[in-house]
N, C-alpha and C. Protein backbone atom coordinates (compact mmCIF):
# COMPACT_ATOMS: atom_id res chain seq x y z
N MET A 1 0.84 -1.18 0.00
CA MET A 1 0.00 0.00 0.00
C MET A 1 0.88 1.24 0.00
N TYR A 2 0.45 2.22 -0.72
CA TYR A 2 1.20 3.46 -0.87
C TYR A 2 1.41 4.16 0.48
N ILE A 3 0.35 4.30 1.27
CA ILE A 3 0.47 5.08 2.51
C ILE A 3 1.34 4.39 3.56
N THR A 4 1.44 3.07 3.53
CA THR A 4 2.27 2.39 4.52
C THR A 4 3.75 2.64 4.26
N GLN A 5 4.10 2.97 3.05
CA GLN A 5 5.49 3.27 2.72
C GLN A 5 5.89 4.66 3.18
N ARG A 6 4.93 5.55 3.29
CA ARG A 6 5.28 6.95 3.52
C ARG A 6 4.58 7.61 4.71
N TYR A 7 3.32 7.28 4.93
CA TYR A 7 2.54 8.03 5.93
C TYR A 7 2.03 7.19 7.10
N TRP A 8 1.52 6.01 6.82
CA TRP A 8 0.84 5.21 7.84
C TRP A 8 1.87 4.56 8.74
N GLY A 9 1.77 4.82 10.02
CA GLY A 9 2.74 4.24 10.95
C GLY A 9 2.63 4.87 12.31
N GLU A 10 3.67 5.56 12.72
CA GLU A 10 3.72 6.11 14.08
C GLU A 10 2.72 7.24 14.30
N PHE A 11 2.76 8.27 13.45
CA PHE A 11 1.90 9.43 13.67
C PHE A 11 0.50 9.25 13.08
N LEU A 12 0.43 8.71 11.91
CA LEU A 12 -0.85 8.45 11.25
C LEU A 12 -1.07 6.94 11.24
N GLY A 13 -2.18 6.51 11.78
CA GLY A 13 -2.48 5.09 11.79
C GLY A 13 -1.94 4.34 12.99
N GLY A 14 -1.30 5.02 13.90
CA GLY A 14 -0.68 4.33 15.02
C GLY A 14 -1.29 4.63 16.38
N THR A 15 -2.52 5.12 16.40
CA THR A 15 -3.14 5.49 17.67
C THR A 15 -4.38 4.65 17.94
N ASP A 16 -4.89 4.76 19.15
CA ASP A 16 -6.15 4.11 19.49
C ASP A 16 -7.28 4.65 18.61
N ASP A 17 -7.21 5.95 18.30
CA ASP A 17 -8.21 6.54 17.42
C ASP A 17 -8.17 5.91 16.04
N SER A 18 -6.97 5.57 15.58
CA SER A 18 -6.83 4.90 14.28
C SER A 18 -7.54 3.55 14.31
N LEU A 19 -7.36 2.82 15.39
CA LEU A 19 -8.02 1.51 15.52
C LEU A 19 -9.53 1.67 15.58
N THR A 20 -10.00 2.70 16.26
CA THR A 20 -11.44 2.95 16.32
C THR A 20 -11.99 3.23 14.92
N LEU A 21 -11.28 4.04 14.15
CA LEU A 21 -11.71 4.35 12.78
C LEU A 21 -11.71 3.09 11.91
N LEU A 22 -10.65 2.30 11.98
CA LEU A 22 -10.58 1.07 11.18
C LEU A 22 -11.65 0.07 11.60
N ASP A 23 -11.90 -0.05 12.90
CA ASP A 23 -12.98 -0.94 13.38
C ASP A 23 -14.33 -0.49 12.84
N TYR A 24 -14.56 0.81 12.86
CA TYR A 24 -15.80 1.37 12.32
C TYR A 24 -15.95 0.99 10.84
N LEU A 25 -14.90 1.23 10.05
CA LEU A 25 -14.97 0.93 8.62
C LEU A 25 -15.23 -0.55 8.38
N ALA A 26 -14.57 -1.41 9.14
CA ALA A 26 -14.75 -2.86 8.98
C ALA A 26 -16.17 -3.28 9.36
N ALA A 27 -16.68 -2.72 10.45
CA ALA A 27 -18.01 -3.10 10.94
C ALA A 27 -19.12 -2.69 9.98
N LYS A 28 -18.88 -1.66 9.18
CA LYS A 28 -19.91 -1.24 8.21
C LYS A 28 -20.20 -2.36 7.22
N GLY A 29 -19.22 -3.17 6.91
CA GLY A 29 -19.41 -4.32 6.04
C GLY A 29 -19.75 -3.95 4.61
N LYS A 30 -19.41 -2.75 4.21
CA LYS A 30 -19.70 -2.29 2.85
C LYS A 30 -18.40 -2.04 2.10
N ALA A 31 -18.41 -2.32 0.81
CA ALA A 31 -17.22 -2.12 -0.01
C ALA A 31 -16.97 -0.65 -0.29
N GLU A 32 -17.98 0.18 -0.09
CA GLU A 32 -17.85 1.62 -0.35
C GLU A 32 -18.58 2.39 0.74
N ILE A 33 -17.83 3.27 1.40
CA ILE A 33 -18.40 4.10 2.46
C ILE A 33 -18.04 5.55 2.14
N PRO A 34 -19.01 6.33 1.69
CA PRO A 34 -18.72 7.73 1.35
C PRO A 34 -18.22 8.52 2.57
N LEU A 35 -17.31 9.43 2.31
CA LEU A 35 -16.76 10.27 3.38
C LEU A 35 -17.88 11.00 4.12
N GLY A 36 -18.88 11.47 3.41
CA GLY A 36 -20.00 12.15 4.05
C GLY A 36 -20.73 11.27 5.05
N GLU A 37 -20.83 9.98 4.76
CA GLU A 37 -21.46 9.04 5.69
C GLU A 37 -20.60 8.87 6.94
N ILE A 38 -19.30 8.79 6.76
CA ILE A 38 -18.38 8.69 7.91
C ILE A 38 -18.52 9.93 8.78
N PHE A 39 -18.52 11.10 8.15
CA PHE A 39 -18.70 12.34 8.89
C PHE A 39 -20.01 12.34 9.67
N ALA A 40 -21.09 11.91 9.02
CA ALA A 40 -22.40 11.90 9.67
C ALA A 40 -22.42 10.92 10.86
N ASP A 41 -21.87 9.73 10.66
CA ASP A 41 -21.87 8.72 11.72
C ASP A 41 -21.07 9.16 12.94
N PHE A 42 -19.99 9.89 12.73
CA PHE A 42 -19.15 10.34 13.84
C PHE A 42 -19.57 11.71 14.39
N GLY A 43 -20.51 12.38 13.74
CA GLY A 43 -20.99 13.67 14.22
C GLY A 43 -20.02 14.81 13.96
N VAL A 44 -19.36 14.77 12.82
CA VAL A 44 -18.39 15.81 12.48
C VAL A 44 -19.02 17.20 12.44
N ASP A 45 -20.28 17.28 12.09
CA ASP A 45 -20.95 18.58 12.01
C ASP A 45 -20.96 19.30 13.36
N ARG A 46 -20.93 18.55 14.46
CA ARG A 46 -20.91 19.16 15.80
C ARG A 46 -19.63 19.95 16.06
N LEU A 47 -18.56 19.64 15.32
CA LEU A 47 -17.29 20.33 15.53
C LEU A 47 -17.25 21.71 14.91
N GLU A 48 -18.19 21.96 13.99
CA GLU A 48 -18.27 23.24 13.29
C GLU A 48 -16.92 23.62 12.66
N GLY A 49 -16.23 22.62 12.13
CA GLY A 49 -14.98 22.85 11.43
C GLY A 49 -13.75 22.94 12.31
N ASP A 50 -13.90 22.83 13.62
CA ASP A 50 -12.76 22.95 14.54
C ASP A 50 -12.26 21.57 14.95
N PHE A 51 -11.21 21.11 14.29
CA PHE A 51 -10.60 19.84 14.64
C PHE A 51 -9.42 20.03 15.58
N GLN A 52 -9.00 21.27 15.80
CA GLN A 52 -7.85 21.55 16.66
C GLN A 52 -8.19 21.33 18.14
N CYS A 53 -9.18 22.02 18.63
CA CYS A 53 -9.60 21.93 20.03
C CYS A 53 -11.12 21.98 20.11
N PRO A 54 -11.76 20.96 19.60
CA PRO A 54 -13.22 20.99 19.58
C PRO A 54 -13.81 20.86 20.98
N GLY A 55 -14.93 21.45 21.16
CA GLY A 55 -15.64 21.34 22.43
C GLY A 55 -16.43 20.05 22.51
N GLU A 56 -16.64 19.43 21.39
CA GLU A 56 -17.41 18.19 21.30
C GLU A 56 -16.48 17.04 20.92
N SER A 57 -16.82 15.84 21.35
CA SER A 57 -16.03 14.68 20.92
C SER A 57 -16.72 13.99 19.75
N LEU A 58 -15.93 13.28 18.99
CA LEU A 58 -16.46 12.50 17.88
C LEU A 58 -16.73 11.09 18.38
N ALA A 59 -17.84 10.51 17.96
CA ALA A 59 -18.17 9.15 18.38
C ALA A 59 -19.20 8.57 17.44
N TYR A 60 -19.25 7.26 17.40
CA TYR A 60 -20.30 6.57 16.67
C TYR A 60 -20.81 5.43 17.55
N GLU A 61 -21.99 4.97 17.25
CA GLU A 61 -22.55 3.85 17.99
C GLU A 61 -22.31 2.58 17.20
N ASN A 62 -21.64 1.61 17.83
CA ASN A 62 -21.35 0.37 17.12
C ASN A 62 -22.59 -0.52 17.05
N GLY A 63 -22.48 -1.64 16.37
CA GLY A 63 -23.62 -2.53 16.17
C GLY A 63 -24.19 -3.12 17.44
N GLU A 64 -23.42 -3.09 18.52
CA GLU A 64 -23.89 -3.61 19.80
C GLU A 64 -24.48 -2.52 20.68
N GLY A 65 -24.55 -1.30 20.15
CA GLY A 65 -25.14 -0.20 20.89
C GLY A 65 -24.19 0.58 21.79
N TYR A 66 -22.89 0.30 21.70
CA TYR A 66 -21.91 1.01 22.50
C TYR A 66 -21.37 2.22 21.75
N GLU A 67 -21.17 3.30 22.48
CA GLU A 67 -20.58 4.49 21.87
C GLU A 67 -19.07 4.32 21.81
N MET A 68 -18.53 4.47 20.63
CA MET A 68 -17.09 4.35 20.41
C MET A 68 -16.58 5.76 20.11
N SER A 69 -15.71 6.26 20.98
CA SER A 69 -15.27 7.65 20.89
C SER A 69 -13.89 7.78 20.26
N ILE A 70 -13.71 8.93 19.64
CA ILE A 70 -12.41 9.35 19.14
C ILE A 70 -11.86 10.32 20.18
N ASN A 71 -10.66 10.05 20.66
CA ASN A 71 -10.07 10.89 21.71
C ASN A 71 -9.55 12.22 21.18
N CYS A 72 -9.11 12.22 19.93
CA CYS A 72 -8.49 13.42 19.37
C CYS A 72 -8.97 13.63 17.93
N ALA A 73 -9.67 14.70 17.70
CA ALA A 73 -10.24 14.97 16.37
C ALA A 73 -9.15 15.12 15.31
N VAL A 74 -7.98 15.63 15.69
CA VAL A 74 -6.88 15.77 14.72
C VAL A 74 -6.43 14.39 14.25
N ASP A 75 -6.34 13.42 15.17
CA ASP A 75 -5.99 12.05 14.76
C ASP A 75 -6.99 11.52 13.75
N PHE A 76 -8.25 11.74 14.03
CA PHE A 76 -9.33 11.26 13.15
C PHE A 76 -9.17 11.83 11.75
N ILE A 77 -8.98 13.13 11.65
CA ILE A 77 -8.93 13.77 10.33
C ILE A 77 -7.64 13.44 9.59
N THR A 78 -6.51 13.33 10.30
CA THR A 78 -5.26 12.99 9.62
C THR A 78 -5.28 11.55 9.14
N ASP A 79 -5.84 10.65 9.94
CA ASP A 79 -5.97 9.26 9.51
C ASP A 79 -6.89 9.16 8.29
N LEU A 80 -8.01 9.86 8.35
CA LEU A 80 -8.92 9.85 7.20
C LEU A 80 -8.23 10.39 5.95
N ALA A 81 -7.45 11.45 6.11
CA ALA A 81 -6.74 12.02 4.96
C ALA A 81 -5.81 10.99 4.34
N ALA A 82 -5.10 10.25 5.17
CA ALA A 82 -4.20 9.21 4.65
C ALA A 82 -4.98 8.12 3.93
N LEU A 83 -6.11 7.71 4.50
CA LEU A 83 -6.94 6.68 3.86
C LEU A 83 -7.51 7.19 2.53
N LEU A 84 -7.90 8.45 2.50
CA LEU A 84 -8.39 9.04 1.25
C LEU A 84 -7.31 9.07 0.19
N LEU A 85 -6.09 9.38 0.60
CA LEU A 85 -4.97 9.38 -0.35
C LEU A 85 -4.75 7.97 -0.90
N GLU A 86 -4.81 6.98 -0.05
CA GLU A 86 -4.65 5.59 -0.51
C GLU A 86 -5.72 5.25 -1.54
N CYS A 87 -6.95 5.65 -1.28
CA CYS A 87 -8.04 5.41 -2.24
C CYS A 87 -7.76 6.12 -3.57
N LYS A 88 -7.22 7.33 -3.48
CA LYS A 88 -6.92 8.11 -4.69
C LYS A 88 -5.81 7.42 -5.50
N VAL A 89 -4.77 6.98 -4.83
CA VAL A 89 -3.61 6.40 -5.51
C VAL A 89 -3.88 4.97 -5.97
N SER A 90 -4.48 4.16 -5.10
CA SER A 90 -4.64 2.73 -5.37
C SER A 90 -6.04 2.31 -5.76
N GLY A 91 -6.99 3.21 -5.63
CA GLY A 91 -8.37 2.86 -5.96
C GLY A 91 -9.15 2.30 -4.78
N GLY A 92 -8.48 2.06 -3.66
CA GLY A 92 -9.16 1.54 -2.48
C GLY A 92 -8.16 1.14 -1.42
N LEU A 93 -8.68 0.68 -0.30
CA LEU A 93 -7.85 0.27 0.83
C LEU A 93 -7.74 -1.24 0.84
N ASP A 94 -6.55 -1.75 0.97
CA ASP A 94 -6.32 -3.19 1.12
C ASP A 94 -6.56 -3.51 2.59
N THR A 95 -7.70 -4.11 2.88
CA THR A 95 -8.09 -4.34 4.27
C THR A 95 -7.16 -5.31 4.99
N ARG A 96 -6.53 -6.20 4.25
CA ARG A 96 -5.58 -7.15 4.88
C ARG A 96 -4.33 -6.42 5.35
N GLU A 97 -3.82 -5.51 4.55
CA GLU A 97 -2.62 -4.76 4.96
C GLU A 97 -2.91 -3.85 6.15
N LEU A 98 -4.12 -3.37 6.25
CA LEU A 98 -4.51 -2.53 7.39
C LEU A 98 -4.96 -3.36 8.59
N GLU A 99 -4.92 -4.69 8.41
CA GLU A 99 -5.31 -5.64 9.46
C GLU A 99 -6.71 -5.37 9.98
N MET A 100 -7.62 -5.12 9.04
CA MET A 100 -9.01 -4.88 9.40
C MET A 100 -9.75 -6.20 9.50
N ASP A 101 -10.63 -6.31 10.47
CA ASP A 101 -11.42 -7.51 10.70
C ASP A 101 -12.67 -7.47 9.83
N THR A 102 -12.50 -7.87 8.57
CA THR A 102 -13.61 -7.85 7.62
C THR A 102 -13.37 -8.88 6.52
N GLN A 103 -14.45 -9.32 5.91
CA GLN A 103 -14.36 -10.25 4.78
C GLN A 103 -13.99 -9.53 3.49
N LEU A 104 -14.18 -8.22 3.48
CA LEU A 104 -13.88 -7.43 2.29
C LEU A 104 -12.38 -7.38 2.06
N LYS A 105 -11.99 -7.47 0.80
CA LYS A 105 -10.57 -7.35 0.47
C LYS A 105 -10.19 -5.90 0.18
N VAL A 106 -11.13 -5.17 -0.41
CA VAL A 106 -10.88 -3.77 -0.77
C VAL A 106 -12.05 -2.93 -0.29
N LEU A 107 -11.74 -1.79 0.27
CA LEU A 107 -12.75 -0.84 0.74
C LEU A 107 -12.44 0.51 0.11
N ARG A 108 -13.46 1.16 -0.39
CA ARG A 108 -13.29 2.48 -1.00
C ARG A 108 -14.01 3.54 -0.17
N ILE A 109 -13.40 4.73 -0.15
CA ILE A 109 -14.01 5.88 0.52
C ILE A 109 -14.11 7.00 -0.51
N PRO A 110 -15.24 7.07 -1.23
CA PRO A 110 -15.40 8.17 -2.17
C PRO A 110 -15.69 9.47 -1.42
N ALA A 111 -15.22 10.57 -2.00
CA ALA A 111 -15.40 11.86 -1.32
C ALA A 111 -15.74 12.94 -2.33
N GLY A 112 -16.77 13.69 -2.02
CA GLY A 112 -17.13 14.84 -2.83
C GLY A 112 -16.29 16.04 -2.45
N GLU A 113 -16.33 17.06 -3.27
CA GLU A 113 -15.52 18.26 -3.03
C GLU A 113 -15.84 18.94 -1.70
N LYS A 114 -17.10 18.97 -1.32
CA LYS A 114 -17.48 19.62 -0.06
C LYS A 114 -16.82 18.92 1.13
N ASP A 115 -16.85 17.60 1.13
CA ASP A 115 -16.24 16.85 2.23
C ASP A 115 -14.72 16.91 2.18
N LEU A 116 -14.15 16.89 0.99
CA LEU A 116 -12.70 17.03 0.86
C LEU A 116 -12.24 18.40 1.35
N ALA A 117 -13.06 19.41 1.14
CA ALA A 117 -12.72 20.75 1.61
C ALA A 117 -12.64 20.78 3.14
N VAL A 118 -13.49 20.02 3.82
CA VAL A 118 -13.43 19.94 5.28
C VAL A 118 -12.10 19.32 5.71
N VAL A 119 -11.69 18.26 5.02
CA VAL A 119 -10.43 17.59 5.34
C VAL A 119 -9.26 18.55 5.11
N ARG A 120 -9.26 19.20 3.96
CA ARG A 120 -8.16 20.12 3.63
C ARG A 120 -8.07 21.27 4.64
N LYS A 121 -9.22 21.82 5.01
CA LYS A 121 -9.24 22.93 5.96
C LYS A 121 -8.70 22.49 7.32
N ALA A 122 -9.09 21.30 7.75
CA ALA A 122 -8.61 20.78 9.03
C ALA A 122 -7.11 20.51 8.98
N LEU A 123 -6.63 19.96 7.88
CA LEU A 123 -5.20 19.73 7.73
C LEU A 123 -4.44 21.06 7.73
N ASP A 124 -4.97 22.04 7.01
CA ASP A 124 -4.33 23.36 6.96
C ASP A 124 -4.21 23.97 8.35
N ALA A 125 -5.25 23.85 9.15
CA ALA A 125 -5.22 24.41 10.51
C ALA A 125 -4.17 23.70 11.36
N PHE A 126 -4.09 22.40 11.25
CA PHE A 126 -3.09 21.65 12.02
C PHE A 126 -1.67 21.97 11.57
N ILE A 127 -1.47 22.03 10.26
CA ILE A 127 -0.15 22.33 9.70
C ILE A 127 0.31 23.72 10.15
N ALA A 128 -0.60 24.68 10.14
CA ALA A 128 -0.28 26.06 10.51
C ALA A 128 0.04 26.22 12.00
N ASP A 129 -0.62 25.42 12.85
CA ASP A 129 -0.45 25.56 14.29
C ASP A 129 -0.54 24.21 14.99
N PRO A 130 0.46 23.35 14.81
CA PRO A 130 0.38 22.03 15.44
C PRO A 130 0.37 22.07 16.97
N LEU A 131 0.93 23.12 17.53
CA LEU A 131 0.96 23.23 18.99
C LEU A 131 -0.35 23.75 19.55
N GLY A 132 -1.26 24.16 18.68
CA GLY A 132 -2.54 24.68 19.11
C GLY A 132 -3.64 23.63 19.15
N CYS A 133 -3.28 22.38 18.96
CA CYS A 133 -4.30 21.33 18.98
C CYS A 133 -4.28 20.60 20.30
N GLU A 134 -5.31 19.82 20.52
CA GLU A 134 -5.45 19.10 21.78
C GLU A 134 -4.35 18.07 22.00
N LEU A 135 -3.67 17.65 20.95
CA LEU A 135 -2.55 16.71 21.08
C LEU A 135 -1.37 17.34 21.82
N ALA A 136 -1.28 18.65 21.80
CA ALA A 136 -0.15 19.34 22.42
C ALA A 136 -0.02 19.04 23.91
N ASP A 137 -1.11 18.61 24.52
CA ASP A 137 -1.07 18.28 25.94
C ASP A 137 -0.37 16.96 26.22
N VAL A 138 -0.28 16.09 25.20
CA VAL A 138 0.25 14.74 25.43
C VAL A 138 1.38 14.33 24.49
N VAL A 139 1.61 15.10 23.45
CA VAL A 139 2.63 14.75 22.46
C VAL A 139 3.74 15.81 22.50
N PRO A 140 5.00 15.38 22.51
CA PRO A 140 6.10 16.34 22.53
C PRO A 140 6.08 17.28 21.32
N GLU A 141 6.55 18.51 21.54
CA GLU A 141 6.54 19.53 20.49
C GLU A 141 7.25 19.06 19.22
N GLU A 142 8.39 18.43 19.36
CA GLU A 142 9.14 17.97 18.19
C GLU A 142 8.33 16.97 17.37
N ASP A 143 7.63 16.07 18.05
CA ASP A 143 6.79 15.09 17.35
C ASP A 143 5.62 15.76 16.63
N LEU A 144 5.03 16.76 17.28
CA LEU A 144 3.92 17.48 16.65
C LEU A 144 4.38 18.22 15.39
N ARG A 145 5.55 18.81 15.47
CA ARG A 145 6.08 19.51 14.29
C ARG A 145 6.40 18.51 13.16
N GLU A 146 6.92 17.35 13.52
CA GLU A 146 7.20 16.32 12.52
C GLU A 146 5.89 15.80 11.90
N MET A 147 4.90 15.61 12.73
CA MET A 147 3.59 15.18 12.25
C MET A 147 2.98 16.23 11.32
N ALA A 148 3.11 17.49 11.67
CA ALA A 148 2.57 18.58 10.84
C ALA A 148 3.27 18.62 9.49
N ALA A 149 4.59 18.41 9.48
CA ALA A 149 5.33 18.39 8.22
C ALA A 149 4.86 17.22 7.35
N LEU A 150 4.65 16.08 7.96
CA LEU A 150 4.14 14.91 7.25
C LEU A 150 2.75 15.18 6.68
N CYS A 151 1.93 15.85 7.48
CA CYS A 151 0.58 16.20 7.02
C CYS A 151 0.62 17.22 5.88
N GLY A 152 1.64 18.08 5.87
CA GLY A 152 1.80 19.01 4.77
C GLY A 152 2.07 18.28 3.47
N GLU A 153 2.92 17.26 3.53
CA GLU A 153 3.19 16.45 2.34
C GLU A 153 1.92 15.71 1.91
N LEU A 154 1.23 15.15 2.88
CA LEU A 154 -0.01 14.44 2.60
C LEU A 154 -1.04 15.36 1.96
N ARG A 155 -1.16 16.56 2.50
CA ARG A 155 -2.10 17.57 1.98
C ARG A 155 -1.80 17.87 0.53
N GLU A 156 -0.54 18.00 0.18
CA GLU A 156 -0.15 18.31 -1.20
C GLU A 156 -0.55 17.17 -2.15
N GLU A 157 -0.40 15.95 -1.69
CA GLU A 157 -0.74 14.79 -2.53
C GLU A 157 -2.25 14.59 -2.64
N LEU A 158 -2.95 14.97 -1.62
CA LEU A 158 -4.40 14.76 -1.60
C LEU A 158 -5.07 15.72 -2.56
């Protein structure tokens, strides 16, 4: 997979939030999940475009009725951006390489311009001020700056 060579690893795809997102995608059981549907299921509209320090948390209800939360909105959006890039480059996500618990071999995340604009805006805000996000409380400054630089490269490719 393209993103595993360059983006997916420690900063993107390496958090509990990443696992929550991948579990969500696998549990949907669909070969195609539009970005707008992902946003709706997680309640992205409640953030009003603020992924840096939102007052609301992102969460979805799993098939067993439990609320599954995202701890950091920036993790959610950066992971989604990487997955979107993989879909753009490869046509879909190889679920085996992402170690997703699903029968599907390939999963696609189509995205319209309006939803892509939300991703780009959130990436731009993080890139411009990585120390201004909620991660700054738990991640060292050097790591945040490295993550922001990586997100800048990702943003350019997306």
